[in-house]
């Protein structure tokens, strides 16, 4: 699934914007795909994050972020 995403949604690089590779979010299970990160439509300064389990199983995962989080639910 990771290879399919990399093929269908290639990484776009912008030279001179970020000096080192950086990601705001990471998931510790290869079965869990972080598919969408978008601004919430009805709350200022809030993000909506969509994750899904891609292997048809039941897993426990941890979503980590380098952003300052005040609340998650």
Protein backbone atom coordinates (compact mmCIF):
# COMPACT_ATOMS: atom_id res chain seq x y z
CA UNK A 1 0.00 0.00 0.00
CA UNK A 2 2.87 2.37 0.76
CA UNK A 3 4.36 1.75 -2.69
CA UNK A 4 0.98 2.42 -4.36
CA UNK A 5 0.62 5.74 -2.52
CA UNK A 6 4.15 6.74 -3.46
CA UNK A 7 3.38 5.97 -7.11
CA UNK A 8 -0.01 7.72 -7.22
CA UNK A 9 0.88 10.67 -4.97
CA UNK A 10 4.55 11.47 -5.58
CA UNK A 11 6.44 13.68 -3.18
CA UNK A 12 6.85 17.25 -4.45
CA UNK A 13 10.04 18.99 -3.40
CA UNK A 14 10.36 22.73 -3.07
CA UNK A 15 13.99 23.82 -3.13
CA UNK A 16 15.10 26.29 -0.51
CA UNK A 17 11.99 26.03 1.67
CA UNK A 18 13.07 23.39 4.21
CA UNK A 19 16.72 22.52 4.78
CA UNK A 20 16.17 19.01 6.21
CA UNK A 21 13.42 16.41 5.72
CA UNK A 22 10.61 17.00 8.20
CA UNK A 23 7.20 15.54 8.89
CA UNK A 24 4.58 16.96 11.24
CA UNK A 25 2.98 13.53 11.87
CA UNK A 26 4.06 9.90 12.04
CA UNK A 27 2.31 6.59 12.74
CA UNK A 28 4.16 3.64 14.27
CA UNK A 29 2.27 0.85 12.46
CA UNK A 30 2.84 0.00 8.78
CA UNK A 31 -0.79 -1.19 8.61
CA UNK A 32 -2.15 2.28 9.47
CA UNK A 33 -2.23 4.89 6.71
CA UNK A 34 -2.37 8.58 7.53
CA UNK A 35 -4.41 9.61 4.52
CA UNK A 36 -5.65 13.15 5.11
CA UNK A 37 -4.64 16.20 7.12
CA UNK A 38 -6.83 19.24 6.60
CA UNK A 39 -8.02 22.34 8.41
CA UNK A 40 -11.30 21.77 10.24
CA UNK A 41 -14.14 23.62 8.56
CA UNK A 42 -15.99 24.73 11.69
CA UNK A 43 -13.15 25.31 14.20
CA UNK A 44 -10.34 27.82 13.91
CA UNK A 45 -6.83 26.49 14.57
CA UNK A 46 -8.00 22.86 14.39
CA UNK A 47 -6.95 20.00 12.12
CA UNK A 48 -8.87 16.97 10.96
CA UNK A 49 -6.70 13.88 10.54
CA UNK A 50 -7.95 10.73 8.80
CA UNK A 51 -6.24 7.41 9.51
CA UNK A 52 -7.29 3.96 8.34
CA UNK A 53 -6.12 0.40 8.88
CA UNK A 54 -5.16 -0.99 5.49
CA UNK A 55 -4.49 -4.71 6.12
CA UNK A 56 -7.99 -5.71 7.23
CA UNK A 57 -6.88 -6.46 10.76
CA UNK A 58 -7.10 -4.91 14.21
CA UNK A 59 -4.03 -2.96 15.35
CA UNK A 60 -3.02 -0.51 18.03
CA UNK A 61 -1.00 2.45 16.83
CA UNK A 62 0.39 5.74 18.06
CA UNK A 63 0.03 9.00 16.14
CA UNK A 64 2.96 11.30 16.96
CA UNK A 65 3.36 14.95 16.05
CA UNK A 66 5.96 17.65 16.36
CA UNK A 67 3.21 20.30 16.49
CA UNK A 68 2.00 21.91 19.68
CA UNK A 69 -1.21 20.06 20.61
CA UNK A 70 -3.67 21.46 23.13
CA UNK A 71 -6.39 18.82 22.74
CA UNK A 72 -7.03 15.64 20.75
CA UNK A 73 -10.18 13.59 20.39
